[in-house]
Structure formats: C-alpha cells, structure tokens
Amino acid sequence: ERDLKHPSLETKKLKGTNSIWEARASKSLRITFNLKGKLIILRTMGEHKILNRP
C-alpha cells in the first residue's frame, strides 16, 4: 500500500515543476518521481543535491 502523505516522507511537489515530486527516504536521502494514475515513476534517488537536477 502506498501512502505518499505519510508525515515522515515529507512529500511535496518540486518548485518550478508541473509534475515532479520529492520525498525523503531519510534525513539526507531524497527521491524524485512522477505520478501517472496509480503508478509511481522513479526519476532519481540520492543526497539532497539531486534536487538541483531532478
């Protein structure tokens, strides 16, 4: 079951984008993804600096 609104993930849409989302996997690990219906499409995963090139 997916729960993108779980508080620990701090999921939010990236500023300046229409469809790229960010979530926290840990204090330093970020994941960026797109949503297509019920499908989560992983874009990148890495340290906070990946948000410069999602």
N, C-alpha and C. Protein backbone atom coordinates (compact mmCIF):
# COMPACT_ATOMS: atom_id res chain seq x y z
N GLU A 1 0.84 -1.18 0.00
CA GLU A 1 0.00 0.00 0.00
C GLU A 1 0.88 1.24 0.00
N ARG A 2 0.55 2.18 -0.83
CA ARG A 2 1.34 3.41 -0.86
C ARG A 2 0.66 4.48 -0.03
N ASP A 3 1.44 5.25 0.67
CA ASP A 3 0.93 6.34 1.49
C ASP A 3 1.86 7.53 1.32
N LEU A 4 1.69 8.24 0.22
CA LEU A 4 2.57 9.37 -0.08
C LEU A 4 2.38 10.53 0.88
N LYS A 5 1.30 10.52 1.65
CA LYS A 5 1.04 11.60 2.59
C LYS A 5 1.57 11.29 3.99
N HIS A 6 2.28 10.18 4.13
CA HIS A 6 2.83 9.84 5.45
C HIS A 6 3.77 10.96 5.88
N PRO A 7 3.63 11.47 7.10
CA PRO A 7 4.43 12.62 7.55
C PRO A 7 5.94 12.42 7.45
N SER A 8 6.42 11.21 7.63
CA SER A 8 7.88 11.00 7.61
C SER A 8 8.47 11.18 6.21
N LEU A 9 7.66 11.07 5.17
CA LEU A 9 8.16 11.23 3.80
C LEU A 9 8.30 12.69 3.39
N GLU A 10 7.53 13.57 4.02
CA GLU A 10 7.53 15.00 3.67
C GLU A 10 7.39 15.20 2.16
N THR A 11 6.46 14.49 1.56
CA THR A 11 6.24 14.55 0.11
C THR A 11 5.72 15.93 -0.29
N LYS A 12 6.31 16.46 -1.38
CA LYS A 12 5.85 17.75 -1.91
C LYS A 12 6.25 17.85 -3.37
N LYS A 13 5.52 18.70 -4.10
CA LYS A 13 5.84 18.95 -5.49
C LYS A 13 7.04 19.88 -5.54
N LEU A 14 7.99 19.60 -6.44
CA LEU A 14 9.17 20.46 -6.57
C LEU A 14 8.78 21.82 -7.14
N LYS A 15 9.31 22.87 -6.56
CA LYS A 15 9.05 24.22 -7.05
C LYS A 15 9.55 24.36 -8.48
N GLY A 16 8.76 25.05 -9.30
CA GLY A 16 9.17 25.30 -10.67
C GLY A 16 8.90 24.15 -11.62
N THR A 17 8.22 23.10 -11.14
CA THR A 17 7.87 21.97 -12.00
C THR A 17 6.37 21.73 -11.95
N ASN A 18 5.86 21.09 -12.97
CA ASN A 18 4.44 20.77 -13.01
C ASN A 18 4.13 19.37 -12.50
N SER A 19 5.12 18.46 -12.62
CA SER A 19 4.77 17.07 -12.34
C SER A 19 5.84 16.28 -11.59
N ILE A 20 6.88 16.94 -11.09
CA ILE A 20 7.93 16.22 -10.37
C ILE A 20 7.71 16.38 -8.87
N TRP A 21 7.71 15.25 -8.19
CA TRP A 21 7.51 15.22 -6.74
C TRP A 21 8.79 14.80 -6.05
N GLU A 22 8.91 15.21 -4.78
CA GLU A 22 10.07 14.86 -3.95
C GLU A 22 9.56 14.21 -2.67
N ALA A 23 10.31 13.22 -2.18
CA ALA A 23 10.03 12.61 -0.87
C ALA A 23 11.35 12.34 -0.18
N ARG A 24 11.31 12.28 1.14
CA ARG A 24 12.51 11.97 1.93
C ARG A 24 12.48 10.50 2.31
N ALA A 25 13.56 9.80 2.00
CA ALA A 25 13.69 8.41 2.44
C ALA A 25 14.44 8.35 3.76
N SER A 26 15.25 9.39 4.04
CA SER A 26 15.97 9.52 5.30
C SER A 26 16.33 11.00 5.45
N LYS A 27 17.11 11.32 6.47
CA LYS A 27 17.49 12.72 6.69
C LYS A 27 18.23 13.30 5.49
N SER A 28 19.07 12.51 4.83
CA SER A 28 19.87 13.02 3.71
C SER A 28 19.46 12.46 2.35
N LEU A 29 18.65 11.41 2.30
CA LEU A 29 18.30 10.76 1.04
C LEU A 29 16.98 11.29 0.49
N ARG A 30 17.01 11.74 -0.76
CA ARG A 30 15.82 12.25 -1.44
C ARG A 30 15.48 11.37 -2.63
N ILE A 31 14.20 11.31 -2.93
CA ILE A 31 13.70 10.57 -4.09
C ILE A 31 12.84 11.55 -4.88
N THR A 32 13.04 11.59 -6.20
CA THR A 32 12.14 12.36 -7.05
C THR A 32 11.39 11.39 -7.94
N PHE A 33 10.13 11.74 -8.24
CA PHE A 33 9.28 10.83 -9.00
C PHE A 33 8.16 11.59 -9.67
N ASN A 34 7.51 10.92 -10.63
CA ASN A 34 6.30 11.41 -11.27
C ASN A 34 5.17 10.46 -10.90
N LEU A 35 3.96 10.97 -10.93
CA LEU A 35 2.78 10.14 -10.71
C LEU A 35 2.02 10.04 -12.02
N LYS A 36 1.62 8.82 -12.36
CA LYS A 36 0.80 8.59 -13.55
C LYS A 36 -0.31 7.64 -13.12
N GLY A 37 -1.46 8.21 -12.80
CA GLY A 37 -2.54 7.41 -12.23
C GLY A 37 -2.08 6.85 -10.89
N LYS A 38 -2.15 5.54 -10.74
CA LYS A 38 -1.71 4.88 -9.50
C LYS A 38 -0.24 4.47 -9.56
N LEU A 39 0.41 4.76 -10.67
CA LEU A 39 1.80 4.36 -10.88
C LEU A 39 2.76 5.45 -10.40
N ILE A 40 3.80 5.05 -9.66
CA ILE A 40 4.86 5.96 -9.24
C ILE A 40 6.07 5.68 -10.12
N ILE A 41 6.52 6.68 -10.86
CA ILE A 41 7.65 6.52 -11.77
C ILE A 41 8.88 7.19 -11.14
N LEU A 42 9.82 6.37 -10.69
CA LEU A 42 11.03 6.87 -10.04
C LEU A 42 11.90 7.61 -11.05
N ARG A 43 12.37 8.80 -10.67
CA ARG A 43 13.26 9.59 -11.52
C ARG A 43 14.69 9.50 -11.02
N THR A 44 14.92 9.96 -9.79
CA THR A 44 16.27 9.94 -9.21
C THR A 44 16.19 9.64 -7.72
N MET A 45 17.33 9.20 -7.19
CA MET A 45 17.44 8.96 -5.76
C MET A 45 18.87 9.28 -5.36
N GLY A 46 19.05 10.03 -4.30
CA GLY A 46 20.39 10.38 -3.84
C GLY A 46 20.34 11.44 -2.77
N GLU A 47 21.48 12.05 -2.50
CA GLU A 47 21.57 13.10 -1.49
C GLU A 47 20.80 14.35 -1.94
N HIS A 48 20.60 15.26 -1.02
CA HIS A 48 19.78 16.45 -1.26
C HIS A 48 20.15 17.19 -2.54
N LYS A 49 21.41 17.17 -2.93
CA LYS A 49 21.84 17.91 -4.13
C LYS A 49 21.20 17.40 -5.42
N ILE A 50 20.60 16.20 -5.42
CA ILE A 50 19.93 15.72 -6.64
C ILE A 50 18.78 16.62 -7.03
N LEU A 51 18.28 17.41 -6.08
CA LEU A 51 17.15 18.28 -6.37
C LEU A 51 17.56 19.40 -7.32
N ASN A 52 18.85 19.62 -7.51
CA ASN A 52 19.32 20.60 -8.49
C ASN A 52 19.11 20.09 -9.91
N ARG A 53 19.04 18.75 -10.07
CA ARG A 53 18.84 18.13 -11.39
C ARG A 53 17.87 16.96 -11.24
N PRO A 54 16.57 17.26 -10.99
CA PRO A 54 15.60 16.20 -10.71
C PRO A 54 15.32 15.34 -11.92
